[in-house]
Amino acid sequence: MASSSPSRWSRPLLWLPGLLLLAAAIAASLYLRPEPAPPGNLEGATVGGPFQLVDETGRTVTEADFAGRWRLIYFGFTHCPDICPTDTAKLAQGLATFEKTDPTRAAAVQPLFITVDPARDTPAVLAEFTAQFHPRLVGLTGSEGQVADTLKAFRIYARRVEGSTPDDYLVDHAALFYLFDPQGRPIAFRSGFTATAGDVAAMLERHVR
């Protein structure tokens, strides 16, 4: 009399659907995994690090407040007659271009304007300045000591140049666009003197994952 139970040849077929599903899941995970970003020109550099500053609302912030987000940073001052507004516009336009081409990745980028002139750049002054360029641009200031420590950590040269009156002065400083990853590691930079808004967008497109 023939047995009604599956033969030893048919039993493996019962596992086949499960194996196919597992293979499909593995393939999907490999396909959806983002490609690693190519190394930038700041790979391995000791730029950046812990800082304590004050945002546009007067709240104390540290690097931990931006953990998990890419950071696009420019150092400047709001009383700058030409270079800083021009560079900040490049930053804003570059980010806006990236937002149009890839809104998901762009949403992970936090643009920051860190002042080199804390005496005049109060939170209120910074808020008025950044609002002219990009809705997500955040200005950071602090005490003279806090800003000095931050400039040192980020390797930003800044020197006060006296004017005709005590309040009429400029600040000579390094003009750079910095990109840091979500862990706060330096990734890339571009010179504000030579970079265009398109170069800023290209830097974001190349590295942000």
C-alpha atoms as a PDB file:
ATOM      1  CA  MET A   1       0.000   0.000   0.000  1.00  0.00           C
ATOM      2  CA  ALA A   2       1.423   3.408  -0.964  1.00  0.00           C
ATOM      3  CA  SER A   3       2.320   5.847   1.806  1.00  0.00           C
ATOM      4  CA  SER A   4       0.457   9.198   1.892  1.00  0.00           C
ATOM      5  CA  SER A   5       3.393  11.076   3.519  1.00  0.00           C
ATOM      6  CA  PRO A   6       5.724  13.226   1.345  1.00  0.00           C
ATOM      7  CA  SER A   7       8.639  11.304  -0.130  1.00  0.00           C
ATOM      8  CA  ARG A   8      12.234  12.129   0.718  1.00  0.00           C
ATOM      9  CA  TRP A   9      12.463  13.760  -2.733  1.00  0.00           C
ATOM     10  CA  SER A  10       9.504  16.099  -2.259  1.00  0.00           C
ATOM     11  CA  ARG A  11      10.286  17.323   1.301  1.00  0.00           C
ATOM     12  CA  PRO A  12      13.005  19.817   0.231  1.00  0.00           C
ATOM     13  CA  LEU A  13      10.446  21.520  -1.990  1.00  0.00           C
ATOM     14  CA  LEU A  14       8.602  22.617   1.156  1.00  0.00           C
ATOM     15  CA  TRP A  15      11.628  24.767   2.071  1.00  0.00           C
ATOM     16  CA  LEU A  16      11.915  26.384  -1.344  1.00  0.00           C
ATOM     17  CA  PRO A  17       9.463  29.296  -0.819  1.00  0.00           C
ATOM     18  CA  GLY A  18      11.193  30.229   2.430  1.00  0.00           C
ATOM     19  CA  LEU A  19      14.621  30.120   0.817  1.00  0.00           C
ATOM     20  CA  LEU A  20      13.426  32.293  -2.048  1.00  0.00           C
ATOM     21  CA  LEU A  21      11.962  34.852   0.370  1.00  0.00           C
ATOM     22  CA  LEU A  22      15.201  34.928   2.355  1.00  0.00           C
ATOM     23  CA  ALA A  23      17.255  35.434  -0.803  1.00  0.00           C
ATOM     24  CA  ALA A  24      14.941  38.218  -1.914  1.00  0.00           C
ATOM     25  CA  ALA A  25      15.228  39.946   1.460  1.00  0.00           C
ATOM     26  CA  ILE A  26      19.033  39.779   1.370  1.00  0.00           C
ATOM     27  CA  ALA A  27      19.120  41.105  -2.180  1.00  0.00           C
ATOM     28  CA  ALA A  28      16.757  43.948  -1.285  1.00  0.00           C
ATOM     29  CA  SER A  29      18.850  44.944   1.737  1.00  0.00           C
ATOM     30  CA  LEU A  30      21.984  45.048  -0.395  1.00  0.00           C
ATOM     31  CA  TYR A  31      20.227  47.055  -3.080  1.00  0.00           C
ATOM     32  CA  LEU A  32      18.722  49.585  -0.666  1.00  0.00           C
ATOM     33  CA  ARG A  33      21.908  50.062   1.349  1.00  0.00           C
ATOM     34  CA  PRO A  34      23.378  53.469   0.401  1.00  0.00           C
ATOM     35  CA  GLU A  35      26.764  53.440  -1.228  1.00  0.00           C
ATOM     36  CA  PRO A  36      29.531  54.746   1.012  1.00  0.00           C
ATOM     37  CA  ALA A  37      30.404  58.368   0.329  1.00  0.00           C
ATOM     38  CA  PRO A  38      33.695  58.970  -1.442  1.00  0.00           C
ATOM     39  CA  PRO A  39      36.420  60.403   0.799  1.00  0.00           C
ATOM     40  CA  GLY A  40      36.588  64.187   0.973  1.00  0.00           C
ATOM     41  CA  ASN A  41      39.555  66.533   1.158  1.00  0.00           C
ATOM     42  CA  LEU A  42      39.276  66.673   4.958  1.00  0.00           C
ATOM     43  CA  GLU A  43      39.392  62.919   5.512  1.00  0.00           C
ATOM     44  CA  GLY A  44      41.441  62.233   8.655  1.00  0.00           C
ATOM     45  CA  ALA A  45      41.836  65.921   9.534  1.00  0.00           C
ATOM     46  CA  THR A  46      41.658  67.095  13.142  1.00  0.00           C
ATOM     47  CA  VAL A  47      39.234  69.918  12.425  1.00  0.00           C
ATOM     48  CA  GLY A  48      36.221  70.623  14.592  1.00  0.00           C
ATOM     49  CA  GLY A  49      35.244  69.015  17.852  1.00  0.00           C
ATOM     50  CA  PRO A  50      33.258  69.927  20.966  1.00  0.00           C
ATOM     51  CA  PHE A  51      31.909  73.466  21.250  1.00  0.00           C
ATOM     52  CA  GLN A  52      29.476  75.465  23.343  1.00  0.00           C
ATOM     53  CA  LEU A  53      27.715  78.398  21.703  1.00  0.00           C
ATOM     54  CA  VAL A  54      24.393  80.268  21.744  1.00  0.00           C
ATOM     55  CA  ASP A  55      21.741  80.018  19.037  1.00  0.00           C
ATOM     56  CA  GLU A  56      19.375  82.681  17.706  1.00  0.00           C
ATOM     57  CA  THR A  57      16.904  82.136  20.543  1.00  0.00           C
ATOM     58  CA  GLY A  58      19.569  82.629  23.217  1.00  0.00           C
ATOM     59  CA  ARG A  59      19.701  78.919  24.009  1.00  0.00           C
ATOM     60  CA  THR A  60      23.044  77.296  24.759  1.00  0.00           C
ATOM     61  CA  VAL A  61      23.885  74.613  22.202  1.00  0.00           C
ATOM     62  CA  THR A  62      26.727  72.155  21.771  1.00  0.00           C
ATOM     63  CA  GLU A  63      27.852  69.816  19.027  1.00  0.00           C
ATOM     64  CA  ALA A  64      25.537  67.189  20.548  1.00  0.00           C
ATOM     65  CA  ASP A  65      22.502  69.245  19.468  1.00  0.00           C
ATOM     66  CA  PHE A  66      23.412  68.538  15.840  1.00  0.00           C
ATOM     67  CA  ALA A  67      24.259  64.861  16.215  1.00  0.00           C
ATOM     68  CA  GLY A  68      22.779  62.736  13.468  1.00  0.00           C
ATOM     69  CA  ARG A  69      22.762  65.577  10.937  1.00  0.00           C
ATOM     70  CA  TRP A  70      25.240  66.632   8.310  1.00  0.00           C
ATOM     71  CA  ARG A  71      26.580  70.114   9.081  1.00  0.00           C
ATOM     72  CA  LEU A  72      27.293  72.688   6.397  1.00  0.00           C
ATOM     73  CA  ILE A  73      29.178  75.469   8.196  1.00  0.00           C
ATOM     74  CA  TYR A  74      30.387  78.948   7.313  1.00  0.00           C
ATOM     75  CA  PHE A  75      32.195  81.331   9.662  1.00  0.00           C
ATOM     76  CA  GLY A  76      31.589  85.041   9.133  1.00  0.00           C
ATOM     77  CA  PHE A  77      30.053  88.181  10.611  1.00  0.00           C
ATOM     78  CA  THR A  78      26.895  90.121   9.847  1.00  0.00           C
ATOM     79  CA  HIS A  79      28.547  93.548   9.607  1.00  0.00           C
ATOM     80  CA  CYS A  80      30.726  92.313   6.750  1.00  0.00           C
ATOM     81  CA  PRO A  81      30.107  94.645   3.788  1.00  0.00           C
ATOM     82  CA  ASP A  82      30.470  92.137   0.963  1.00  0.00           C
ATOM     83  CA  ILE A  83      32.268  88.780   1.305  1.00  0.00           C
ATOM     84  CA  CYS A  84      30.195  87.195   4.085  1.00  0.00           C
ATOM     85  CA  PRO A  85      26.786  88.004   2.572  1.00  0.00           C
ATOM     86  CA  THR A  86      28.019  86.766  -0.797  1.00  0.00           C
ATOM     87  CA  ASP A  87      29.362  83.521   0.660  1.00  0.00           C
ATOM     88  CA  THR A  88      26.250  82.970   2.764  1.00  0.00           C
ATOM     89  CA  ALA A  89      24.162  83.364  -0.376  1.00  0.00           C
ATOM     90  CA  LYS A  90      26.332  80.728  -2.076  1.00  0.00           C
ATOM     91  CA  LEU A  91      25.758  78.362   0.851  1.00  0.00           C
ATOM     92  CA  ALA A  92      22.003  78.956   0.785  1.00  0.00           C
ATOM     93  CA  GLN A  93      21.715  78.628  -2.992  1.00  0.00           C
ATOM     94  CA  GLY A  94      23.861  75.490  -3.042  1.00  0.00           C
ATOM     95  CA  LEU A  95      21.710  73.868  -0.373  1.00  0.00           C
ATOM     96  CA  ALA A  96      18.526  74.962  -2.163  1.00  0.00           C
ATOM     97  CA  THR A  97      19.766  73.308  -5.366  1.00  0.00           C
ATOM     98  CA  PHE A  98      20.482  70.096  -3.471  1.00  0.00           C
ATOM     99  CA  GLU A  99      17.023  70.276  -1.882  1.00  0.00           C
ATOM    100  CA  LYS A 100      15.454  70.356  -5.345  1.00  0.00           C
ATOM    101  CA  THR A 101      17.468  67.437  -6.712  1.00  0.00           C
ATOM    102  CA  ASP A 102      17.315  65.221  -3.616  1.00  0.00           C
ATOM    103  CA  PRO A 103      15.009  66.551  -0.876  1.00  0.00           C
ATOM    104  CA  THR A 104      15.413  63.463   1.303  1.00  0.00           C
ATOM    105  CA  ARG A 105      19.173  63.698   1.603  1.00  0.00           C
ATOM    106  CA  ALA A 106      19.062  67.496   1.793  1.00  0.00           C
ATOM    107  CA  ALA A 107      16.729  67.326   4.790  1.00  0.00           C
ATOM    108  CA  ALA A 108      19.577  65.705   6.737  1.00  0.00           C
ATOM    109  CA  VAL A 109      21.816  68.765   6.228  1.00  0.00           C
ATOM    110  CA  GLN A 110      21.877  71.477   8.895  1.00  0.00           C
ATOM    111  CA  PRO A 111      23.316  74.782   7.620  1.00  0.00           C
ATOM    112  CA  LEU A 112      25.119  76.853  10.260  1.00  0.00           C
ATOM    113  CA  PHE A 113      26.510  80.401  10.271  1.00  0.00           C
ATOM    114  CA  ILE A 114      28.988  80.819  13.147  1.00  0.00           C
ATOM    115  CA  THR A 115      30.037  84.363  13.909  1.00  0.00           C
ATOM    116  CA  VAL A 116      33.611  85.562  14.273  1.00  0.00           C
ATOM    117  CA  ASP A 117      32.284  88.816  15.815  1.00  0.00           C
ATOM    118  CA  PRO A 118      30.401  87.929  18.997  1.00  0.00           C
ATOM    119  CA  ALA A 119      30.533  91.507  20.320  1.00  0.00           C
ATOM    120  CA  ARG A 120      28.086  92.727  17.664  1.00  0.00           C
ATOM    121  CA  ASP A 121      26.445  89.514  16.493  1.00  0.00           C
ATOM    122  CA  THR A 122      23.848  88.958  19.182  1.00  0.00           C
ATOM    123  CA  PRO A 123      21.221  86.218  18.771  1.00  0.00           C
ATOM    124  CA  ALA A 124      18.703  88.781  17.525  1.00  0.00           C
ATOM    125  CA  VAL A 125      21.126  90.222  14.964  1.00  0.00           C
ATOM    126  CA  LEU A 126      21.972  86.739  13.707  1.00  0.00           C
ATOM    127  CA  ALA A 127      18.299  85.792  13.427  1.00  0.00           C
ATOM    128  CA  GLU A 128      17.607  88.808  11.229  1.00  0.00           C
ATOM    129  CA  PHE A 129      20.665  88.046   9.080  1.00  0.00           C
ATOM    130  CA  THR A 130      20.108  84.325   8.514  1.00  0.00           C
ATOM    131  CA  ALA A 131      16.413  84.812   7.694  1.00  0.00           C
ATOM    132  CA  GLN A 132      17.477  86.629   4.521  1.00  0.00           C
ATOM    133  CA  PHE A 133      19.184  83.551   3.076  1.00  0.00           C
ATOM    134  CA  HIS A 134      17.611  80.208   3.977  1.00  0.00           C
ATOM    135  CA  PRO A 135      14.753  79.198   6.316  1.00  0.00           C
ATOM    136  CA  ARG A 136      16.827  76.458   7.952  1.00  0.00           C
ATOM    137  CA  LEU A 137      20.053  78.441   8.346  1.00  0.00           C
ATOM    138  CA  VAL A 138      20.912  78.802  12.053  1.00  0.00           C
ATOM    139  CA  GLY A 139      23.239  81.470  13.398  1.00  0.00           C
ATOM    140  CA  LEU A 140      25.469  80.746  16.379  1.00  0.00           C
ATOM    141  CA  THR A 141      27.275  83.203  18.649  1.00  0.00           C
ATOM    142  CA  GLY A 142      28.478  83.182  22.254  1.00  0.00           C
ATOM    143  CA  SER A 143      30.881  84.859  24.619  1.00  0.00           C
ATOM    144  CA  GLU A 144      34.261  86.040  23.382  1.00  0.00           C
ATOM    145  CA  GLY A 145      35.815  82.979  25.018  1.00  0.00           C
ATOM    146  CA  GLN A 146      33.306  80.523  23.569  1.00  0.00           C
ATOM    147  CA  VAL A 147      33.740  81.849  20.058  1.00  0.00           C
ATOM    148  CA  ALA A 148      37.529  81.956  20.405  1.00  0.00           C
ATOM    149  CA  ASP A 149      37.563  78.302  21.496  1.00  0.00           C
ATOM    150  CA  THR A 150      35.343  77.338  18.573  1.00  0.00           C
ATOM    151  CA  LEU A 151      37.505  79.189  16.054  1.00  0.00           C
ATOM    152  CA  LYS A 152      40.563  77.409  17.413  1.00  0.00           C
ATOM    153  CA  ALA A 153      38.898  73.989  17.193  1.00  0.00           C
ATOM    154  CA  PHE A 154      37.782  74.599  13.611  1.00  0.00           C
ATOM    155  CA  ARG A 155      41.107  76.126  12.545  1.00  0.00           C
ATOM    156  CA  ILE A 156      39.529  79.450  11.592  1.00  0.00           C
ATOM    157  CA  TYR A 157      41.808  82.466  11.492  1.00  0.00           C
ATOM    158  CA  ALA A 158      40.098  85.718  12.566  1.00  0.00           C
ATOM    159  CA  ARG A 159      41.598  89.118  13.380  1.00  0.00           C
ATOM    160  CA  ARG A 160      39.893  92.402  14.189  1.00  0.00           C
ATOM    161  CA  VAL A 161      40.812  95.295  11.887  1.00  0.00           C
ATOM    162  CA  GLU A 162      40.174  98.647  13.539  1.00  0.00           C
ATOM    163  CA  GLY A 163      38.141 101.320  11.765  1.00  0.00           C
ATOM    164  CA  SER A 164      37.575 105.018  12.228  1.00  0.00           C
ATOM    165  CA  THR A 165      35.519 104.492  15.414  1.00  0.00           C
ATOM    166  CA  PRO A 166      35.536 101.752  18.078  1.00  0.00           C
ATOM    167  CA  ASP A 167      32.374 100.191  16.645  1.00  0.00           C
ATOM    168  CA  ASP A 168      33.390 100.634  13.019  1.00  0.00           C
ATOM    169  CA  TYR A 169      35.690  97.693  12.507  1.00  0.00           C
ATOM    170  CA  LEU A 170      36.012  94.699  10.240  1.00  0.00           C
ATOM    171  CA  VAL A 171      37.108  91.136  10.947  1.00  0.00           C
ATOM    172  CA  ASP A 172      39.654  89.558   8.638  1.00  0.00           C
ATOM    173  CA  HIS A 173      38.963  85.826   8.677  1.00  0.00           C
ATOM    174  CA  ALA A 174      39.241  82.545   6.790  1.00  0.00           C
ATOM    175  CA  ALA A 175      36.322  82.103   4.388  1.00  0.00           C
ATOM    176  CA  LEU A 176      35.517  78.402   4.115  1.00  0.00           C
ATOM    177  CA  PHE A 177      32.545  76.137   3.544  1.00  0.00           C
ATOM    178  CA  TYR A 178      32.918  73.141   5.856  1.00  0.00           C
ATOM    179  CA  LEU A 179      31.005  69.861   5.625  1.00  0.00           C
ATOM    180  CA  PHE A 180      30.872  67.546   8.659  1.00  0.00           C
ATOM    181  CA  ASP A 181      29.135  64.178   8.788  1.00  0.00           C
ATOM    182  CA  PRO A 182      26.384  63.136  11.272  1.00  0.00           C
ATOM    183  CA  GLN A 183      29.065  61.968  13.735  1.00  0.00           C
ATOM    184  CA  GLY A 184      30.772  65.352  13.613  1.00  0.00           C
ATOM    185  CA  ARG A 185      33.742  64.160  11.545  1.00  0.00           C
ATOM    186  CA  PRO A 186      35.234  66.556   8.992  1.00  0.00           C
ATOM    187  CA  ILE A 187      34.494  65.485   5.431  1.00  0.00           C
ATOM    188  CA  ALA A 188      35.247  68.277   2.976  1.00  0.00           C
ATOM    189  CA  PHE A 189      35.768  71.998   2.547  1.00  0.00           C
ATOM    190  CA  ARG A 190      35.670  74.572  -0.228  1.00  0.00           C
ATOM    191  CA  SER A 191      37.203  78.038  -0.265  1.00  0.00           C
ATOM    192  CA  GLY A 192      34.666  80.820  -0.189  1.00  0.00           C
ATOM    193  CA  PHE A 193      36.862  82.902  -2.469  1.00  0.00           C
ATOM    194  CA  THR A 194      36.743  80.411  -5.351  1.00  0.00           C
ATOM    195  CA  ALA A 195      33.673  78.236  -4.769  1.00  0.00           C
ATOM    196  CA  THR A 196      30.330  78.918  -6.399  1.00  0.00           C
ATOM    197  CA  ALA A 197      26.855  77.929  -5.262  1.00  0.00           C
ATOM    198  CA  GLY A 198      27.124  75.085  -7.749  1.00  0.00           C
ATOM    199  CA  ASP A 199      30.315  73.902  -6.071  1.00  0.00           C
ATOM    200  CA  VAL A 200      28.533  73.837  -2.700  1.00  0.00           C
ATOM    201  CA  ALA A 201      25.682  71.815  -4.226  1.00  0.00           C
ATOM    202  CA  ALA A 202      28.189  69.434  -5.832  1.00  0.00           C
ATOM    203  CA  MET A 203      29.969  68.931  -2.494  1.00  0.00           C
ATOM    204  CA  LEU A 204      26.674  67.998  -0.853  1.00  0.00           C
ATOM    205  CA  GLU A 205      25.667  65.732  -3.738  1.00  0.00           C
ATOM    206  CA  ARG A 206      28.998  63.928  -3.626  1.00  0.00           C
ATOM    207  CA  HIS A 207      29.244  63.285   0.091  1.00  0.00           C
ATOM    208  CA  VAL A 208      25.851  63.376   1.844  1.00  0.00           C
ATOM    209  CA  ARG A 209      24.359  59.909   2.233  1.00  0.00           C
END
